[in-house]
C-alpha atoms as a PDB file:
ATOM      1  CA  UNK A   1      68.306  50.105  70.994  1.00  0.00           C
ATOM      2  CA  UNK A   2      68.140  49.908  67.240  1.00  0.00           C
ATOM      3  CA  UNK A   3      71.112  48.509  65.549  1.00  0.00           C
ATOM      4  CA  UNK A   4      71.612  48.523  61.826  1.00  0.00           C
ATOM      5  CA  UNK A   5      73.678  45.691  60.656  1.00  0.00           C
ATOM      6  CA  UNK A   6      75.089  46.035  57.234  1.00  0.00           C
ATOM      7  CA  UNK A   7      75.820  42.965  55.307  1.00  0.00           C
ATOM      8  CA  UNK A   8      78.910  43.376  53.295  1.00  0.00           C
ATOM      9  CA  UNK A   9      79.584  41.453  50.157  1.00  0.00           C
ATOM     10  CA  UNK A  10      83.123  40.937  49.118  1.00  0.00           C
ATOM     11  CA  UNK A  11      84.283  43.485  46.618  1.00  0.00           C
ATOM     12  CA  UNK A  12      85.191  42.020  43.294  1.00  0.00           C
ATOM     13  CA  UNK A  13      88.034  43.378  41.386  1.00  0.00           C
ATOM     14  CA  UNK A  14      87.440  45.168  38.121  1.00  0.00           C
ATOM     15  CA  UNK A  15      89.149  42.420  36.113  1.00  0.00           C
ATOM     16  CA  UNK A  16      87.033  39.702  37.713  1.00  0.00           C
ATOM     17  CA  UNK A  17      83.873  41.587  36.747  1.00  0.00           C
ATOM     18  CA  UNK A  18      85.112  41.966  33.167  1.00  0.00           C
ATOM     19  CA  UNK A  19      85.875  38.265  32.964  1.00  0.00           C
ATOM     20  CA  UNK A  20      82.349  37.452  34.088  1.00  0.00           C
ATOM     21  CA  UNK A  21      80.868  39.871  31.550  1.00  0.00           C
ATOM     22  CA  UNK A  22      83.025  38.420  28.777  1.00  0.00           C
ATOM     23  CA  UNK A  23      82.063  34.908  29.821  1.00  0.00           C
ATOM     24  CA  UNK A  24      78.357  35.750  29.659  1.00  0.00           C
ATOM     25  CA  UNK A  25      78.828  37.444  26.269  1.00  0.00           C
ATOM     26  CA  UNK A  26      80.636  34.373  24.970  1.00  0.00           C
ATOM     27  CA  UNK A  27      77.840  32.105  26.140  1.00  0.00           C
ATOM     28  CA  UNK A  28      75.298  34.415  24.473  1.00  0.00           C
ATOM     29  CA  UNK A  29      77.360  34.372  21.282  1.00  0.00           C
ATOM     30  CA  UNK A  30      77.647  30.592  21.368  1.00  0.00           C
ATOM     31  CA  UNK A  31      73.874  30.392  21.724  1.00  0.00           C
ATOM     32  CA  UNK A  32      73.514  32.678  18.730  1.00  0.00           C
ATOM     33  CA  UNK A  33      75.992  30.722  16.629  1.00  0.00           C
ATOM     34  CA  UNK A  34      74.126  27.421  16.841  1.00  0.00           C
ATOM     35  CA  UNK A  35      73.172  26.271  13.340  1.00  0.00           C
ATOM     36  CA  UNK A  36      69.579  26.626  12.246  1.00  0.00           C
ATOM     37  CA  UNK A  37      67.733  23.514  11.181  1.00  0.00           C
ATOM     38  CA  UNK A  38      65.133  23.985   8.475  1.00  0.00           C
ATOM     39  CA  UNK A  39      62.467  21.509   7.551  1.00  0.00           C
ATOM     40  CA  UNK A  40      62.205  20.209   4.007  1.00  0.00           C
ATOM     41  CA  UNK A  41      59.110  22.363   3.512  1.00  0.00           C
ATOM     42  CA  UNK A  42      60.945  25.499   4.648  1.00  0.00           C
ATOM     43  CA  UNK A  43      63.878  24.698   2.367  1.00  0.00           C
ATOM     44  CA  UNK A  44      61.605  24.291  -0.637  1.00  0.00           C
ATOM     45  CA  UNK A  45      59.874  27.566   0.225  1.00  0.00           C
ATOM     46  CA  UNK A  46      63.183  29.392   0.450  1.00  0.00           C
ATOM     47  CA  UNK A  47      64.520  27.871  -2.751  1.00  0.00           C
ATOM     48  CA  UNK A  48      61.396  28.898  -4.640  1.00  0.00           C
ATOM     49  CA  UNK A  49      60.341  25.366  -5.570  1.00  0.00           C
ATOM     50  CA  UNK A  50      56.769  26.003  -4.466  1.00  0.00           C
ATOM     51  CA  UNK A  51      56.539  29.110  -6.618  1.00  0.00           C
ATOM     52  CA  UNK A  52      57.949  27.250  -9.623  1.00  0.00           C
ATOM     53  CA  UNK A  53      55.469  24.430  -9.102  1.00  0.00           C
ATOM     54  CA  UNK A  54      52.553  26.862  -8.902  1.00  0.00           C
ATOM     55  CA  UNK A  55      53.759  28.650 -12.036  1.00  0.00           C
ATOM     56  CA  UNK A  56      54.022  25.371 -13.933  1.00  0.00           C
ATOM     57  CA  UNK A  57      50.549  24.379 -12.791  1.00  0.00           C
ATOM     58  CA  UNK A  58      49.253  27.792 -13.799  1.00  0.00           C
ATOM     59  CA  UNK A  59      50.737  27.219 -17.254  1.00  0.00           C
ATOM     60  CA  UNK A  60      48.286  24.351 -17.747  1.00  0.00           C
ATOM     61  CA  UNK A  61      44.684  25.073 -18.645  1.00  0.00           C
ATOM     62  CA  UNK A  62      42.182  24.171 -15.891  1.00  0.00           C
ATOM     63  CA  UNK A  63      40.750  21.139 -17.689  1.00  0.00           C
ATOM     64  CA  UNK A  64      44.231  19.676 -18.140  1.00  0.00           C
ATOM     65  CA  UNK A  65      45.048  20.372 -14.485  1.00  0.00           C
ATOM     66  CA  UNK A  66      41.964  18.387 -13.502  1.00  0.00           C
ATOM     67  CA  UNK A  67      43.076  15.515 -15.713  1.00  0.00           C
ATOM     68  CA  UNK A  68      46.552  15.552 -14.140  1.00  0.00           C
ATOM     69  CA  UNK A  69      45.031  15.555 -10.648  1.00  0.00           C
ATOM     70  CA  UNK A  70      42.822  12.592 -11.588  1.00  0.00           C
ATOM     71  CA  UNK A  71      45.894  10.786 -12.935  1.00  0.00           C
ATOM     72  CA  UNK A  72      47.688  11.288  -9.607  1.00  0.00           C
ATOM     73  CA  UNK A  73      44.611  10.055  -7.722  1.00  0.00           C
ATOM     74  CA  UNK A  74      44.443   6.930  -9.870  1.00  0.00           C
ATOM     75  CA  UNK A  75      48.106   6.176  -9.257  1.00  0.00           C
ATOM     76  CA  UNK A  76      47.584   6.520  -5.495  1.00  0.00           C
ATOM     77  CA  UNK A  77      44.544   4.237  -5.656  1.00  0.00           C
ATOM     78  CA  UNK A  78      46.576   1.632  -7.532  1.00  0.00           C
ATOM     79  CA  UNK A  79      49.255   1.717  -4.819  1.00  0.00           C
ATOM     80  CA  UNK A  80      46.610   1.266  -2.125  1.00  0.00           C
ATOM     81  CA  UNK A  81      44.964  -1.606  -3.997  1.00  0.00           C
ATOM     82  CA  UNK A  82      48.326  -3.324  -4.446  1.00  0.00           C
ATOM     83  CA  UNK A  83      48.935  -3.076  -0.693  1.00  0.00           C
ATOM     84  CA  UNK A  84      45.513  -4.610  -0.078  1.00  0.00           C
ATOM     85  CA  UNK A  85      46.340  -7.364  -2.564  1.00  0.00           C
ATOM     86  CA  UNK A  86      49.580  -8.138  -0.734  1.00  0.00           C
ATOM     87  CA  UNK A  87      47.691  -8.288   2.565  1.00  0.00           C
ATOM     88  CA  UNK A  88      45.104 -10.572   1.002  1.00  0.00           C
ATOM     89  CA  UNK A  89      47.806 -12.911  -0.284  1.00  0.00           C
ATOM     90  CA  UNK A  90      49.363 -13.071   3.195  1.00  0.00           C
ATOM     91  CA  UNK A  91      45.993 -13.656   4.896  1.00  0.00           C
ATOM     92  CA  UNK A  92      45.281 -17.284   5.848  1.00  0.00           C
ATOM     93  CA  UNK A  93      41.695 -16.898   7.064  1.00  0.00           C
ATOM     94  CA  UNK A  94      40.168 -17.739   3.679  1.00  0.00           C
ATOM     95  CA  UNK A  95      40.105 -21.109   1.994  1.00  0.00           C
ATOM     96  CA  UNK A  96      42.502 -21.521  -0.923  1.00  0.00           C
ATOM     97  CA  UNK A  97      39.675 -21.478  -3.430  1.00  0.00           C
ATOM     98  CA  UNK A  98      38.093 -18.322  -2.015  1.00  0.00           C
ATOM     99  CA  UNK A  99      41.472 -16.649  -1.656  1.00  0.00           C
ATOM    100  CA  UNK A 100      42.296 -17.362  -5.310  1.00  0.00           C
ATOM    101  CA  UNK A 101      38.954 -15.864  -6.382  1.00  0.00           C
ATOM    102  CA  UNK A 102      39.484 -12.726  -4.275  1.00  0.00           C
ATOM    103  CA  UNK A 103      43.034 -12.300  -5.589  1.00  0.00           C
ATOM    104  CA  UNK A 104      41.756 -12.645  -9.163  1.00  0.00           C
ATOM    105  CA  UNK A 105      39.080 -10.014  -8.569  1.00  0.00           C
ATOM    106  CA  UNK A 106      41.571  -7.631  -6.985  1.00  0.00           C
ATOM    107  CA  UNK A 107      44.026  -8.111  -9.877  1.00  0.00           C
ATOM    108  CA  UNK A 108      41.286  -7.408 -12.416  1.00  0.00           C
ATOM    109  CA  UNK A 109      40.359  -4.241 -10.537  1.00  0.00           C
ATOM    110  CA  UNK A 110      44.000  -3.084 -10.484  1.00  0.00           C
ATOM    111  CA  UNK A 111      44.398  -3.839 -14.188  1.00  0.00           C
ATOM    112  CA  UNK A 112      41.259  -1.823 -14.926  1.00  0.00           C
ATOM    113  CA  UNK A 113      42.675   1.158 -13.057  1.00  0.00           C
ATOM    114  CA  UNK A 114      45.989   0.788 -14.904  1.00  0.00           C
ATOM    115  CA  UNK A 115      44.085   0.870 -18.200  1.00  0.00           C
ATOM    116  CA  UNK A 116      42.414   4.075 -17.019  1.00  0.00           C
ATOM    117  CA  UNK A 117      45.863   5.540 -16.321  1.00  0.00           C
ATOM    118  CA  UNK A 118      47.000   4.695 -19.861  1.00  0.00           C
ATOM    119  CA  UNK A 119      43.856   6.198 -21.419  1.00  0.00           C
ATOM    120  CA  UNK A 120      44.047   9.306 -19.264  1.00  0.00           C
ATOM    121  CA  UNK A 121      47.715   9.770 -20.184  1.00  0.00           C
ATOM    122  CA  UNK A 122      46.803   9.628 -23.880  1.00  0.00           C
ATOM    123  CA  UNK A 123      43.983  12.115 -23.314  1.00  0.00           C
ATOM    124  CA  UNK A 124      46.344  14.483 -21.500  1.00  0.00           C
ATOM    125  CA  UNK A 125      48.812  14.280 -24.392  1.00  0.00           C
ATOM    126  CA  UNK A 126      46.068  15.101 -26.890  1.00  0.00           C
ATOM    127  CA  UNK A 127      44.762  17.963 -24.752  1.00  0.00           C
ATOM    128  CA  UNK A 128      48.270  19.403 -24.453  1.00  0.00           C
ATOM    129  CA  UNK A 129      48.670  19.257 -28.248  1.00  0.00           C
ATOM    130  CA  UNK A 130      45.314  20.972 -28.778  1.00  0.00           C
ATOM    131  CA  UNK A 131      46.260  23.661 -26.258  1.00  0.00           C
ATOM    132  CA  UNK A 132      49.524  24.233 -28.137  1.00  0.00           C
ATOM    133  CA  UNK A 133      51.722  23.373 -25.175  1.00  0.00           C
ATOM    134  CA  UNK A 134      55.033  21.981 -26.366  1.00  0.00           C
ATOM    135  CA  UNK A 135      57.374  22.921 -23.492  1.00  0.00           C
ATOM    136  CA  UNK A 136      59.129  19.642 -22.553  1.00  0.00           C
ATOM    137  CA  UNK A 137      59.285  20.589 -18.864  1.00  0.00           C
ATOM    138  CA  UNK A 138      55.549  21.115 -18.668  1.00  0.00           C
ATOM    139  CA  UNK A 139      54.892  17.945 -20.672  1.00  0.00           C
ATOM    140  CA  UNK A 140      57.059  15.850 -18.369  1.00  0.00           C
ATOM    141  CA  UNK A 141      55.531  17.433 -15.281  1.00  0.00           C
ATOM    142  CA  UNK A 142      52.008  16.744 -16.510  1.00  0.00           C
ATOM    143  CA  UNK A 143      52.721  13.141 -17.447  1.00  0.00           C
ATOM    144  CA  UNK A 144      55.140  12.184 -14.662  1.00  0.00           C
END
């Protein structure tokens, strides 16, 4: 004897189904309405800052761009050397006499790099004059 048993599910009313559909649509909408978070890089890309920067760099002749890059490198090296100097001053493993000598050497090295920055800045100014670049924005960007 084969018996087919049907399992019946309760019948939902039409309004109950609509409420469920509306509820799911609202949850989908709330998911869609969450604010987007953009990184600083994405914001600068959208605002066109990167394009402006590239255009300003393109406005400089290649030899001046190289000088500006070297200037930035020197400034970074000075920051690193100053950090090393601070660490050296805080270090107690050396005798006072040796520590004083090392600090003096490090200071002389930093001062030498700062002199290079000054000379390079002057050279950039002269190169900009020779190239006929007088736009204040480009001048400030190159020397900042």
